[in-house]
């Protein structure tokens, strides 16, 4: 009895000391970095206009929204904003009954977007910490006829608020949006989606020119973007970062080794088959190569864990150098990835 008690006391004393020594390397001090994000709300400027004001207001909208109006126009299929037809097409969009109903719902859901501004400011403080030479984009909100969640362009970041009206939004089933996707169409996913979307536009897979497009390259590239997103949002839960339900996140943590071994034993790591790549990295209710308890894109979790291991074991590597490194085999070797 005394031996057991002594062993318990020793373990009790050792465990906290080990925990206290484990540093969360995602948390950094950004208090000295200044970022001032003021979101411009295009949906308000469009849907508060009387129909007879829309066409005359086009020049003022072009001036206020600069390059974003053109990006927005492409998303809603109204063409080049300098074409003579643009005003009429924009009027049609603003006069549409459903668009006006969605606008009313959007304003009810997002009467004040200061929380989004505040969270984006903190995220972009982290961005400038890691990438001090980069520019912070101008940020805009809009409704897109449910076409796009995040819109990116040169120094521009747009948020389609109609894609974040909540998992129970009545329009999503009508649009045949799967429940597992609608579950992520919530306000708490806006800023994470912004940062992932911004990273994906800055470091596009095709633009980086990986030597080969295979499973390893795809999961490592997505792993880089998820690592970027987590560094930008260190206080955000992994469930939100990866879009997993709590039990799915638990599955990934508990079965990391088994999933990795499955990919190796079934010769999937270096597969260039696009169908295989999509099954492992594409949107789905679960990853069919694993089990129905797994989340879709579970292989992306493995890619993230490889990158996380790489950065922890190669602390002198800057994030941008890591992201631009297309030697995926070299990354894997230097990560010394060994899932438990």
C-alpha atoms as a PDB file:
ATOM      1  CA  UNK A   1       0.000   0.000   0.000  1.00  0.00           C
ATOM      2  CA  UNK A   2       2.826   2.366   0.881  1.00  0.00           C
ATOM      3  CA  UNK A   3       4.620   1.521  -2.372  1.00  0.00           C
ATOM      4  CA  UNK A   4       1.514   2.268  -4.432  1.00  0.00           C
ATOM      5  CA  UNK A   5       0.962   5.532  -2.583  1.00  0.00           C
ATOM      6  CA  UNK A   6       4.585   6.559  -3.135  1.00  0.00           C
ATOM      7  CA  UNK A   7       4.343   5.696  -6.835  1.00  0.00           C
ATOM      8  CA  UNK A   8       1.170   7.771  -7.143  1.00  0.00           C
ATOM      9  CA  UNK A   9       2.846  10.770  -5.462  1.00  0.00           C
ATOM     10  CA  UNK A  10       5.873  10.514  -7.766  1.00  0.00           C
ATOM     11  CA  UNK A  11       3.681  10.337 -10.872  1.00  0.00           C
ATOM     12  CA  UNK A  12       1.571  13.214  -9.587  1.00  0.00           C
ATOM     13  CA  UNK A  13       4.694  15.336  -9.136  1.00  0.00           C
ATOM     14  CA  UNK A  14       6.295  14.363 -12.439  1.00  0.00           C
ATOM     15  CA  UNK A  15       3.266  14.794 -14.696  1.00  0.00           C
ATOM     16  CA  UNK A  16       2.635  18.514 -14.004  1.00  0.00           C
ATOM     17  CA  UNK A  17       6.331  19.272 -14.413  1.00  0.00           C
ATOM     18  CA  UNK A  18       6.358  17.587 -17.812  1.00  0.00           C
ATOM     19  CA  UNK A  19       3.212  19.424 -18.825  1.00  0.00           C
ATOM     20  CA  UNK A  20       4.584  22.773 -17.700  1.00  0.00           C
ATOM     21  CA  UNK A  21       7.711  22.245 -19.807  1.00  0.00           C
ATOM     22  CA  UNK A  22       5.676  21.612 -22.953  1.00  0.00           C
ATOM     23  CA  UNK A  23       5.505  24.951 -24.753  1.00  0.00           C
ATOM     24  CA  UNK A  24       2.697  25.806 -27.162  1.00  0.00           C
ATOM     25  CA  UNK A  25       4.759  27.108 -30.075  1.00  0.00           C
ATOM     26  CA  UNK A  26       1.662  28.488 -31.813  1.00  0.00           C
ATOM     27  CA  UNK A  27       1.159  31.201 -29.197  1.00  0.00           C
ATOM     28  CA  UNK A  28       3.211  34.320 -29.900  1.00  0.00           C
ATOM     29  CA  UNK A  29       3.190  37.950 -28.771  1.00  0.00           C
ATOM     30  CA  UNK A  30       1.699  40.206 -31.458  1.00  0.00           C
ATOM     31  CA  UNK A  31       0.862  43.203 -29.249  1.00  0.00           C
ATOM     32  CA  UNK A  32       3.414  45.468 -30.952  1.00  0.00           C
ATOM     33  CA  UNK A  33       2.080  44.775 -34.456  1.00  0.00           C
ATOM     34  CA  UNK A  34      -0.433  47.321 -35.720  1.00  0.00           C
ATOM     35  CA  UNK A  35      -3.252  46.274 -38.052  1.00  0.00           C
ATOM     36  CA  UNK A  36      -6.374  48.287 -38.780  1.00  0.00           C
ATOM     37  CA  UNK A  37      -9.066  46.408 -40.664  1.00  0.00           C
ATOM     38  CA  UNK A  38     -12.275  48.227 -41.538  1.00  0.00           C
ATOM     39  CA  UNK A  39     -14.650  46.008 -43.457  1.00  0.00           C
ATOM     40  CA  UNK A  40     -16.688  47.634 -46.230  1.00  0.00           C
ATOM     41  CA  UNK A  41     -20.174  46.164 -46.568  1.00  0.00           C
ATOM     42  CA  UNK A  42     -21.074  46.019 -50.248  1.00  0.00           C
ATOM     43  CA  UNK A  43     -24.354  44.212 -49.545  1.00  0.00           C
ATOM     44  CA  UNK A  44     -25.588  47.202 -47.540  1.00  0.00           C
ATOM     45  CA  UNK A  45     -24.690  49.682 -50.255  1.00  0.00           C
ATOM     46  CA  UNK A  46     -26.429  47.579 -52.894  1.00  0.00           C
ATOM     47  CA  UNK A  47     -29.613  46.473 -51.175  1.00  0.00           C
ATOM     48  CA  UNK A  48     -30.487  49.748 -49.462  1.00  0.00           C
ATOM     49  CA  UNK A  49     -30.667  51.476 -52.842  1.00  0.00           C
ATOM     50  CA  UNK A  50     -33.978  52.087 -54.553  1.00  0.00           C
ATOM     51  CA  UNK A  51     -34.066  50.262 -57.904  1.00  0.00           C
ATOM     52  CA  UNK A  52     -33.913  53.528 -59.843  1.00  0.00           C
ATOM     53  CA  UNK A  53     -30.695  54.441 -57.994  1.00  0.00           C
ATOM     54  CA  UNK A  54     -28.669  51.327 -58.829  1.00  0.00           C
ATOM     55  CA  UNK A  55     -27.460  52.260 -62.323  1.00  0.00           C
ATOM     56  CA  UNK A  56     -26.648  55.915 -61.467  1.00  0.00           C
ATOM     57  CA  UNK A  57     -24.660  54.690 -58.427  1.00  0.00           C
ATOM     58  CA  UNK A  58     -22.353  52.427 -60.438  1.00  0.00           C
ATOM     59  CA  UNK A  59     -19.550  55.037 -60.782  1.00  0.00           C
ATOM     60  CA  UNK A  60     -19.594  55.696 -57.017  1.00  0.00           C
ATOM     61  CA  UNK A  61     -19.560  51.951 -56.289  1.00  0.00           C
ATOM     62  CA  UNK A  62     -16.569  51.501 -58.606  1.00  0.00           C
ATOM     63  CA  UNK A  63     -14.707  54.210 -56.731  1.00  0.00           C
ATOM     64  CA  UNK A  64     -15.569  52.976 -53.239  1.00  0.00           C
ATOM     65  CA  UNK A  65     -15.019  49.279 -53.903  1.00  0.00           C
ATOM     66  CA  UNK A  66     -12.186  49.609 -56.400  1.00  0.00           C
ATOM     67  CA  UNK A  67     -10.970  46.181 -57.572  1.00  0.00           C
ATOM     68  CA  UNK A  68     -13.356  44.228 -55.360  1.00  0.00           C
ATOM     69  CA  UNK A  69     -16.417  45.260 -57.377  1.00  0.00           C
ATOM     70  CA  UNK A  70     -14.948  43.488 -60.405  1.00  0.00           C
ATOM     71  CA  UNK A  71     -14.235  40.326 -58.406  1.00  0.00           C
ATOM     72  CA  UNK A  72     -17.756  40.438 -57.013  1.00  0.00           C
ATOM     73  CA  UNK A  73     -19.199  40.930 -60.498  1.00  0.00           C
ATOM     74  CA  UNK A  74     -17.434  37.828 -61.787  1.00  0.00           C
ATOM     75  CA  UNK A  75     -18.838  35.798 -58.873  1.00  0.00           C
ATOM     76  CA  UNK A  76     -22.445  36.863 -59.524  1.00  0.00           C
ATOM     77  CA  UNK A  77     -22.025  36.586 -63.327  1.00  0.00           C
ATOM     78  CA  UNK A  78     -22.592  40.239 -64.197  1.00  0.00           C
ATOM     79  CA  UNK A  79     -19.447  40.461 -66.324  1.00  0.00           C
ATOM     80  CA  UNK A  80     -17.010  43.328 -66.754  1.00  0.00           C
ATOM     81  CA  UNK A  81     -17.995  46.324 -64.631  1.00  0.00           C
ATOM     82  CA  UNK A  82     -16.927  48.643 -67.470  1.00  0.00           C
ATOM     83  CA  UNK A  83     -19.358  47.089 -69.967  1.00  0.00           C
ATOM     84  CA  UNK A  84     -22.504  49.092 -70.691  1.00  0.00           C
ATOM     85  CA  UNK A  85     -24.585  46.060 -69.690  1.00  0.00           C
ATOM     86  CA  UNK A  86     -23.168  45.931 -66.161  1.00  0.00           C
ATOM     87  CA  UNK A  87     -25.614  48.416 -64.625  1.00  0.00           C
ATOM     88  CA  UNK A  88     -28.648  46.539 -65.940  1.00  0.00           C
ATOM     89  CA  UNK A  89     -27.307  43.189 -64.787  1.00  0.00           C
ATOM     90  CA  UNK A  90     -26.485  44.582 -61.343  1.00  0.00           C
ATOM     91  CA  UNK A  91     -29.994  46.045 -61.095  1.00  0.00           C
ATOM     92  CA  UNK A  92     -31.426  42.630 -61.898  1.00  0.00           C
ATOM     93  CA  UNK A  93     -29.322  41.076 -59.110  1.00  0.00           C
ATOM     94  CA  UNK A  94     -30.399  43.745 -56.595  1.00  0.00           C
ATOM     95  CA  UNK A  95     -34.072  43.499 -57.589  1.00  0.00           C
ATOM     96  CA  UNK A  96     -34.285  39.727 -57.315  1.00  0.00           C
ATOM     97  CA  UNK A  97     -36.861  38.718 -54.708  1.00  0.00           C
ATOM     98  CA  UNK A  98     -34.817  35.897 -53.188  1.00  0.00           C
ATOM     99  CA  UNK A  99     -31.662  38.027 -53.041  1.00  0.00           C
ATOM    100  CA  UNK A 100     -33.583  40.649 -51.087  1.00  0.00           C
ATOM    101  CA  UNK A 101     -34.935  38.013 -48.709  1.00  0.00           C
ATOM    102  CA  UNK A 102     -31.414  36.667 -48.200  1.00  0.00           C
ATOM    103  CA  UNK A 103     -30.124  40.195 -47.620  1.00  0.00           C
ATOM    104  CA  UNK A 104     -32.742  40.732 -44.883  1.00  0.00           C
ATOM    105  CA  UNK A 105     -31.698  37.451 -43.269  1.00  0.00           C
ATOM    106  CA  UNK A 106     -28.026  38.399 -43.563  1.00  0.00           C
ATOM    107  CA  UNK A 107     -28.526  41.761 -41.875  1.00  0.00           C
ATOM    108  CA  UNK A 108     -30.500  40.073 -39.097  1.00  0.00           C
ATOM    109  CA  UNK A 109     -27.676  37.561 -38.611  1.00  0.00           C
ATOM    110  CA  UNK A 110     -24.853  40.092 -38.976  1.00  0.00           C
ATOM    111  CA  UNK A 111     -26.130  43.519 -37.830  1.00  0.00           C
ATOM    112  CA  UNK A 112     -22.655  44.289 -36.511  1.00  0.00           C
ATOM    113  CA  UNK A 113     -19.460  42.843 -37.981  1.00  0.00           C
ATOM    114  CA  UNK A 114     -17.033  44.332 -35.463  1.00  0.00           C
ATOM    115  CA  UNK A 115     -16.361  40.876 -33.942  1.00  0.00           C
ATOM    116  CA  UNK A 116     -15.234  39.720 -37.399  1.00  0.00           C
ATOM    117  CA  UNK A 117     -13.055  42.829 -37.771  1.00  0.00           C
ATOM    118  CA  UNK A 118     -11.469  42.257 -34.368  1.00  0.00           C
ATOM    119  CA  UNK A 119     -10.735  38.585 -35.041  1.00  0.00           C
ATOM    120  CA  UNK A 120      -9.336  39.342 -38.496  1.00  0.00           C
ATOM    121  CA  UNK A 121      -7.115  42.054 -37.046  1.00  0.00           C
ATOM    122  CA  UNK A 122      -5.640  39.592 -34.578  1.00  0.00           C
ATOM    123  CA  UNK A 123      -5.198  36.961 -37.294  1.00  0.00           C
ATOM    124  CA  UNK A 124      -3.413  39.420 -39.567  1.00  0.00           C
ATOM    125  CA  UNK A 125      -1.180  40.529 -36.700  1.00  0.00           C
ATOM    126  CA  UNK A 126       0.031  36.949 -36.678  1.00  0.00           C
ATOM    127  CA  UNK A 127       0.340  37.107 -40.465  1.00  0.00           C
ATOM    128  CA  UNK A 128       2.642  40.126 -40.283  1.00  0.00           C
ATOM    129  CA  UNK A 129       4.626  38.485 -37.494  1.00  0.00           C
ATOM    130  CA  UNK A 130       5.476  35.571 -39.767  1.00  0.00           C
ATOM    131  CA  UNK A 131       5.514  37.557 -43.023  1.00  0.00           C
ATOM    132  CA  UNK A 132       6.636  41.099 -42.163  1.00  0.00           C
ATOM    133  CA  UNK A 133       7.012  42.137 -45.804  1.00  0.00           C
ATOM    134  CA  UNK A 134       3.449  41.205 -46.803  1.00  0.00           C
ATOM    135  CA  UNK A 135       0.439  43.488 -47.212  1.00  0.00           C
ATOM    136  CA  UNK A 136      -2.792  43.109 -45.278  1.00  0.00           C
ATOM    137  CA  UNK A 137      -5.708  42.953 -47.728  1.00  0.00           C
ATOM    138  CA  UNK A 138      -8.705  45.203 -47.848  1.00  0.00           C
ATOM    139  CA  UNK A 139     -11.715  43.277 -46.562  1.00  0.00           C
ATOM    140  CA  UNK A 140     -15.274  43.366 -47.885  1.00  0.00           C
ATOM    141  CA  UNK A 141     -18.563  41.601 -47.237  1.00  0.00           C
ATOM    142  CA  UNK A 142     -21.273  40.830 -49.757  1.00  0.00           C
ATOM    143  CA  UNK A 143     -23.951  38.326 -50.641  1.00  0.00           C
ATOM    144  CA  UNK A 144     -23.218  36.272 -53.729  1.00  0.00           C
ATOM    145  CA  UNK A 145     -26.356  34.294 -54.479  1.00  0.00           C
ATOM    146  CA  UNK A 146     -24.719  31.512 -52.430  1.00  0.00           C
ATOM    147  CA  UNK A 147     -21.933  31.216 -55.013  1.00  0.00           C
ATOM    148  CA  UNK A 148     -18.808  31.874 -52.923  1.00  0.00           C
ATOM    149  CA  UNK A 149     -17.795  31.809 -49.280  1.00  0.00           C
ATOM    150  CA  UNK A 150     -14.423  33.537 -49.654  1.00  0.00           C
ATOM    151  CA  UNK A 151     -13.291  35.708 -52.570  1.00  0.00           C
ATOM    152  CA  UNK A 152      -9.627  36.607 -52.955  1.00  0.00           C
ATOM    153  CA  UNK A 153      -7.736  38.871 -55.309  1.00  0.00           C
ATOM    154  CA  UNK A 154      -4.676  41.101 -55.323  1.00  0.00           C
ATOM    155  CA  UNK A 155      -4.724  42.616 -51.804  1.00  0.00           C
ATOM    156  CA  UNK A 156      -8.473  41.924 -51.608  1.00  0.00           C
ATOM    157  CA  UNK A 157     -10.455  39.578 -49.380  1.00  0.00           C
ATOM    158  CA  UNK A 158     -14.209  39.179 -49.683  1.00  0.00           C
ATOM    159  CA  UNK A 159     -16.654  37.328 -47.438  1.00  0.00           C
ATOM    160  CA  UNK A 160     -19.926  35.979 -48.864  1.00  0.00           C
ATOM    161  CA  UNK A 161     -22.039  36.329 -45.736  1.00  0.00           C
ATOM    162  CA  UNK A 162     -24.914  34.361 -47.278  1.00  0.00           C
ATOM    163  CA  UNK A 163     -22.686  31.280 -46.963  1.00  0.00           C
ATOM    164  CA  UNK A 164     -22.494  31.718 -43.166  1.00  0.00           C
ATOM    165  CA  UNK A 165     -26.130  31.968 -42.111  1.00  0.00           C
ATOM    166  CA  UNK A 166     -26.008  28.888 -39.863  1.00  0.00           C
ATOM    167  CA  UNK A 167     -26.281  25.142 -40.320  1.00  0.00           C
ATOM    168  CA  UNK A 168     -30.076  25.336 -40.042  1.00  0.00           C
ATOM    169  CA  UNK A 169     -30.498  28.005 -42.745  1.00  0.00           C
ATOM    170  CA  UNK A 170     -33.610  27.147 -44.774  1.00  0.00           C
ATOM    171  CA  UNK A 171     -31.911  27.899 -48.091  1.00  0.00           C
ATOM    172  CA  UNK A 172     -29.096  25.368 -47.827  1.00  0.00           C
ATOM    173  CA  UNK A 173     -31.227  22.209 -48.231  1.00  0.00           C
ATOM    174  CA  UNK A 174     -32.944  23.837 -51.215  1.00  0.00           C
ATOM    175  CA  UNK A 175     -29.531  24.302 -52.801  1.00  0.00           C
ATOM    176  CA  UNK A 176     -28.684  20.626 -52.183  1.00  0.00           C
ATOM    177  CA  UNK A 177     -25.867  21.559 -49.825  1.00  0.00           C
ATOM    178  CA  UNK A 178     -24.986  18.459 -47.835  1.00  0.00           C
ATOM    179  CA  UNK A 179     -25.574  18.625 -44.089  1.00  0.00           C
ATOM    180  CA  UNK A 180     -21.922  17.914 -43.269  1.00  0.00           C
ATOM    181  CA  UNK A 181     -20.945  20.968 -45.335  1.00  0.00           C
ATOM    182  CA  UNK A 182     -23.773  23.173 -44.001  1.00  0.00           C
ATOM    183  CA  UNK A 183     -22.576  22.322 -40.481  1.00  0.00           C
ATOM    184  CA  UNK A 184     -19.523  24.504 -41.190  1.00  0.00           C
ATOM    185  CA  UNK A 185     -21.496  27.393 -42.733  1.00  0.00           C
ATOM    186  CA  UNK A 186     -21.609  29.300 -39.463  1.00  0.00           C
ATOM    187  CA  UNK A 187     -20.314  32.624 -38.197  1.00  0.00           C
ATOM    188  CA  UNK A 188     -17.511  31.006 -36.178  1.00  0.00           C
ATOM    189  CA  UNK A 189     -16.037  29.628 -39.403  1.00  0.00           C
ATOM    190  CA  UNK A 190     -15.749  32.996 -41.173  1.00  0.00           C
ATOM    191  CA  UNK A 191     -12.324  34.065 -39.946  1.00  0.00           C
ATOM    192  CA  UNK A 192     -10.781  30.561 -40.189  1.00  0.00           C
ATOM    193  CA  UNK A 193     -12.097  30.294 -43.762  1.00  0.00           C
ATOM    194  CA  UNK A 194     -10.686  33.757 -44.505  1.00  0.00           C
ATOM    195  CA  UNK A 195      -7.218  32.772 -43.357  1.00  0.00           C
ATOM    196  CA  UNK A 196      -7.260  29.416 -45.133  1.00  0.00           C
ATOM    197  CA  UNK A 197      -8.574  31.080 -48.294  1.00  0.00           C
ATOM    198  CA  UNK A 198      -5.946  33.809 -48.079  1.00  0.00           C
ATOM    199  CA  UNK A 199      -3.189  31.232 -47.648  1.00  0.00           C
ATOM    200  CA  UNK A 200      -4.515  29.137 -50.531  1.00  0.00           C
ATOM    201  CA  UNK A 201      -4.490  32.182 -52.818  1.00  0.00           C
ATOM    202  CA  UNK A 202      -0.992  33.235 -51.739  1.00  0.00           C
ATOM    203  CA  UNK A 203       0.459  29.749 -52.194  1.00  0.00           C
ATOM    204  CA  UNK A 204      -1.577  28.028 -54.876  1.00  0.00           C
ATOM    205  CA  UNK A 205      -0.731  24.351 -55.484  1.00  0.00           C
ATOM    206  CA  UNK A 206      -0.302  24.788 -59.239  1.00  0.00           C
ATOM    207  CA  UNK A 207       1.753  27.974 -58.893  1.00  0.00           C
ATOM    208  CA  UNK A 208       4.243  26.276 -56.559  1.00  0.00           C
ATOM    209  CA  UNK A 209       4.992  23.709 -59.303  1.00  0.00           C
ATOM    210  CA  UNK A 210       5.498  20.546 -57.292  1.00  0.00           C
ATOM    211  CA  UNK A 211       7.635  18.059 -59.269  1.00  0.00           C
ATOM    212  CA  UNK A 212       4.803  15.536 -59.197  1.00  0.00           C
ATOM    213  CA  UNK A 213       1.117  15.680 -58.298  1.00  0.00           C
ATOM    214  CA  UNK A 214       0.611  12.704 -56.026  1.00  0.00           C
ATOM    215  CA  UNK A 215      -1.060  11.912 -52.708  1.00  0.00           C
ATOM    216  CA  UNK A 216       1.991  12.920 -50.670  1.00  0.00           C
ATOM    217  CA  UNK A 217       2.323  16.280 -52.447  1.00  0.00           C
ATOM    218  CA  UNK A 218      -1.394  17.021 -52.045  1.00  0.00           C
ATOM    219  CA  UNK A 219      -1.659  16.147 -48.358  1.00  0.00           C
ATOM    220  CA  UNK A 220       1.566  17.981 -47.527  1.00  0.00           C
ATOM    221  CA  UNK A 221       0.417  21.072 -49.437  1.00  0.00           C
ATOM    222  CA  UNK A 222      -2.933  21.081 -47.648  1.00  0.00           C
ATOM    223  CA  UNK A 223      -1.051  20.355 -44.425  1.00  0.00           C
ATOM    224  CA  UNK A 224       1.003  23.506 -45.022  1.00  0.00           C
ATOM    225  CA  UNK A 225      -2.157  25.571 -45.435  1.00  0.00           C
ATOM    226  CA  UNK A 226      -3.696  24.120 -42.279  1.00  0.00           C
ATOM    227  CA  UNK A 227      -0.462  24.770 -40.385  1.00  0.00           C
ATOM    228  CA  UNK A 228      -0.558  28.363 -41.683  1.00  0.00           C
ATOM    229  CA  UNK A 229      -4.192  28.688 -40.583  1.00  0.00           C
ATOM    230  CA  UNK A 230      -3.430  27.349 -37.109  1.00  0.00           C
ATOM    231  CA  UNK A 231      -0.492  29.746 -36.712  1.00  0.00           C
ATOM    232  CA  UNK A 232      -2.752  32.637 -37.694  1.00  0.00           C
ATOM    233  CA  UNK A 233      -5.449  31.477 -35.233  1.00  0.00           C
ATOM    234  CA  UNK A 234      -3.680  29.801 -32.298  1.00  0.00           C
ATOM    235  CA  UNK A 235      -6.688  30.148 -29.988  1.00  0.00           C
ATOM    236  CA  UNK A 236      -9.081  28.448 -32.417  1.00  0.00           C
ATOM    237  CA  UNK A 237      -9.918  24.799 -31.766  1.00  0.00           C
ATOM    238  CA  UNK A 238      -8.644  22.075 -34.066  1.00  0.00           C
ATOM    239  CA  UNK A 239     -12.257  21.074 -34.678  1.00  0.00           C
ATOM    240  CA  UNK A 240     -12.896  24.457 -36.305  1.00  0.00           C
ATOM    241  CA  UNK A 241      -9.523  24.578 -38.095  1.00  0.00           C
ATOM    242  CA  UNK A 242     -10.081  21.183 -39.726  1.00  0.00           C
ATOM    243  CA  UNK A 243     -13.873  21.278 -39.944  1.00  0.00           C
ATOM    244  CA  UNK A 244     -14.221  18.078 -37.921  1.00  0.00           C
ATOM    245  CA  UNK A 245     -16.858  17.116 -35.394  1.00  0.00           C
ATOM    246  CA  UNK A 246     -15.401  16.379 -31.909  1.00  0.00           C
ATOM    247  CA  UNK A 247     -15.722  12.609 -32.374  1.00  0.00           C
ATOM    248  CA  UNK A 248     -14.061  12.860 -35.805  1.00  0.00           C
ATOM    249  CA  UNK A 249     -11.197  14.846 -34.323  1.00  0.00           C
ATOM    250  CA  UNK A 250     -10.851  12.193 -31.642  1.00  0.00           C
ATOM    251  CA  UNK A 251     -10.780   9.508 -34.336  1.00  0.00           C
ATOM    252  CA  UNK A 252      -7.886  11.252 -36.106  1.00  0.00           C
ATOM    253  CA  UNK A 253      -5.879  11.630 -32.915  1.00  0.00           C
ATOM    254  CA  UNK A 254      -6.503   8.034 -31.857  1.00  0.00           C
ATOM    255  CA  UNK A 255      -5.900   6.499 -35.279  1.00  0.00           C
ATOM    256  CA  UNK A 256      -3.126   8.641 -36.738  1.00  0.00           C
ATOM    257  CA  UNK A 257      -0.671   5.748 -36.920  1.00  0.00           C
ATOM    258  CA  UNK A 258      -3.222   3.337 -38.368  1.00  0.00           C
ATOM    259  CA  UNK A 259      -4.232   5.801 -41.117  1.00  0.00           C
ATOM    260  CA  UNK A 260      -0.606   6.495 -42.035  1.00  0.00           C
ATOM    261  CA  UNK A 261       0.239   2.791 -42.105  1.00  0.00           C
ATOM    262  CA  UNK A 262      -2.790   2.108 -44.301  1.00  0.00           C
ATOM    263  CA  UNK A 263      -1.565   4.631 -46.885  1.00  0.00           C
ATOM    264  CA  UNK A 264       1.915   3.064 -46.861  1.00  0.00           C
ATOM    265  CA  UNK A 265       0.834  -0.580 -46.893  1.00  0.00           C
ATOM    266  CA  UNK A 266      -1.625   0.001 -49.722  1.00  0.00           C
ATOM    267  CA  UNK A 267       0.900   1.950 -51.850  1.00  0.00           C
ATOM    268  CA  UNK A 268      -1.244   5.089 -51.818  1.00  0.00           C
ATOM    269  CA  UNK A 269       1.391   7.626 -50.704  1.00  0.00           C
ATOM    270  CA  UNK A 270       2.900   8.067 -54.155  1.00  0.00           C
ATOM    271  CA  UNK A 271      -0.279   7.449 -56.151  1.00  0.00           C
ATOM    272  CA  UNK A 272      -0.860   9.997 -58.927  1.00  0.00           C
ATOM    273  CA  UNK A 273      -4.385   8.763 -59.602  1.00  0.00           C
ATOM    274  CA  UNK A 274      -6.659  11.813 -59.340  1.00  0.00           C
ATOM    275  CA  UNK A 275      -9.609   9.737 -58.151  1.00  0.00           C
ATOM    276  CA  UNK A 276      -7.512   8.429 -55.255  1.00  0.00           C
ATOM    277  CA  UNK A 277      -6.288  11.934 -54.434  1.00  0.00           C
ATOM    278  CA  UNK A 278      -9.853  13.286 -54.394  1.00  0.00           C
ATOM    279  CA  UNK A 279     -11.066  10.445 -52.148  1.00  0.00           C
ATOM    280  CA  UNK A 280      -8.336  11.285 -49.633  1.00  0.00           C
ATOM    281  CA  UNK A 281      -8.396  15.090 -49.785  1.00  0.00           C
ATOM    282  CA  UNK A 282     -11.798  16.064 -51.211  1.00  0.00           C
ATOM    283  CA  UNK A 283     -14.973  17.017 -49.378  1.00  0.00           C
ATOM    284  CA  UNK A 284     -16.881  13.964 -48.178  1.00  0.00           C
ATOM    285  CA  UNK A 285     -18.855  12.847 -45.096  1.00  0.00           C
ATOM    286  CA  UNK A 286     -16.023  10.400 -44.310  1.00  0.00           C
ATOM    287  CA  UNK A 287     -12.803   9.091 -45.872  1.00  0.00           C
ATOM    288  CA  UNK A 288     -13.806   5.860 -47.599  1.00  0.00           C
ATOM    289  CA  UNK A 289     -10.297   4.391 -47.407  1.00  0.00           C
ATOM    290  CA  UNK A 290     -10.577   4.442 -43.613  1.00  0.00           C
ATOM    291  CA  UNK A 291     -13.885   3.980 -41.753  1.00  0.00           C
ATOM    292  CA  UNK A 292     -17.221   5.781 -41.518  1.00  0.00           C
ATOM    293  CA  UNK A 293     -16.067   7.173 -38.173  1.00  0.00           C
ATOM    294  CA  UNK A 294     -13.321   9.107 -39.961  1.00  0.00           C
ATOM    295  CA  UNK A 295     -13.946  12.619 -41.287  1.00  0.00           C
ATOM    296  CA  UNK A 296     -13.665  13.540 -44.933  1.00  0.00           C
ATOM    297  CA  UNK A 297     -10.182  14.924 -45.716  1.00  0.00           C
ATOM    298  CA  UNK A 298      -8.722  12.877 -42.846  1.00  0.00           C
ATOM    299  CA  UNK A 299      -5.524  12.539 -44.883  1.00  0.00           C
ATOM    300  CA  UNK A 300      -5.101  16.319 -44.674  1.00  0.00           C
ATOM    301  CA  UNK A 301      -4.774  15.878 -40.911  1.00  0.00           C
ATOM    302  CA  UNK A 302      -1.827  13.575 -41.606  1.00  0.00           C
ATOM    303  CA  UNK A 303      -0.309  16.187 -43.915  1.00  0.00           C
ATOM    304  CA  UNK A 304      -0.672  18.781 -41.183  1.00  0.00           C
ATOM    305  CA  UNK A 305       0.975  16.486 -38.639  1.00  0.00           C
ATOM    306  CA  UNK A 306       3.905  15.944 -41.003  1.00  0.00           C
ATOM    307  CA  UNK A 307       4.350  19.711 -41.398  1.00  0.00           C
ATOM    308  CA  UNK A 308       3.955  20.296 -37.675  1.00  0.00           C
ATOM    309  CA  UNK A 309       6.659  17.712 -36.995  1.00  0.00           C
ATOM    310  CA  UNK A 310       8.881  19.259 -39.672  1.00  0.00           C
ATOM    311  CA  UNK A 311       8.612  22.738 -38.155  1.00  0.00           C
ATOM    312  CA  UNK A 312       9.203  21.486 -34.613  1.00  0.00           C
ATOM    313  CA  UNK A 313      12.295  19.528 -35.634  1.00  0.00           C
ATOM    314  CA  UNK A 314      13.665  22.261 -37.933  1.00  0.00           C
ATOM    315  CA  UNK A 315      13.083  25.362 -35.841  1.00  0.00           C
ATOM    316  CA  UNK A 316      15.333  27.579 -37.970  1.00  0.00           C
ATOM    317  CA  UNK A 317      13.114  27.236 -41.048  1.00  0.00           C
ATOM    318  CA  UNK A 318      10.887  30.233 -41.782  1.00  0.00           C
ATOM    319  CA  UNK A 319       7.262  29.544 -42.539  1.00  0.00           C
ATOM    320  CA  UNK A 320       7.368  30.948 -46.070  1.00  0.00           C
ATOM    321  CA  UNK A 321      10.445  28.861 -46.896  1.00  0.00           C
ATOM    322  CA  UNK A 322       8.611  25.791 -45.643  1.00  0.00           C
ATOM    323  CA  UNK A 323       5.508  26.601 -47.680  1.00  0.00           C
ATOM    324  CA  UNK A 324       7.522  27.214 -50.854  1.00  0.00           C
ATOM    325  CA  UNK A 325       9.559  24.034 -50.399  1.00  0.00           C
ATOM    326  CA  UNK A 326       8.244  21.566 -52.991  1.00  0.00           C
ATOM    327  CA  UNK A 327      10.593  18.707 -52.061  1.00  0.00           C
ATOM    328  CA  UNK A 328       7.884  16.711 -50.305  1.00  0.00           C
ATOM    329  CA  UNK A 329      10.085  13.649 -49.883  1.00  0.00           C
ATOM    330  CA  UNK A 330      12.735  15.820 -48.237  1.00  0.00           C
ATOM    331  CA  UNK A 331      10.106  17.412 -45.981  1.00  0.00           C
ATOM    332  CA  UNK A 332       8.881  13.972 -44.930  1.00  0.00           C
ATOM    333  CA  UNK A 333      12.434  12.806 -44.147  1.00  0.00           C
ATOM    334  CA  UNK A 334      13.351  15.941 -42.186  1.00  0.00           C
ATOM    335  CA  UNK A 335      10.030  15.815 -40.323  1.00  0.00           C
ATOM    336  CA  UNK A 336      11.073  12.431 -38.916  1.00  0.00           C
ATOM    337  CA  UNK A 337       7.350  11.771 -38.831  1.00  0.00           C
ATOM    338  CA  UNK A 338       6.547   8.879 -36.540  1.00  0.00           C
ATOM    339  CA  UNK A 339       2.872   8.786 -35.532  1.00  0.00           C
ATOM    340  CA  UNK A 340       2.088   6.927 -32.343  1.00  0.00           C
END
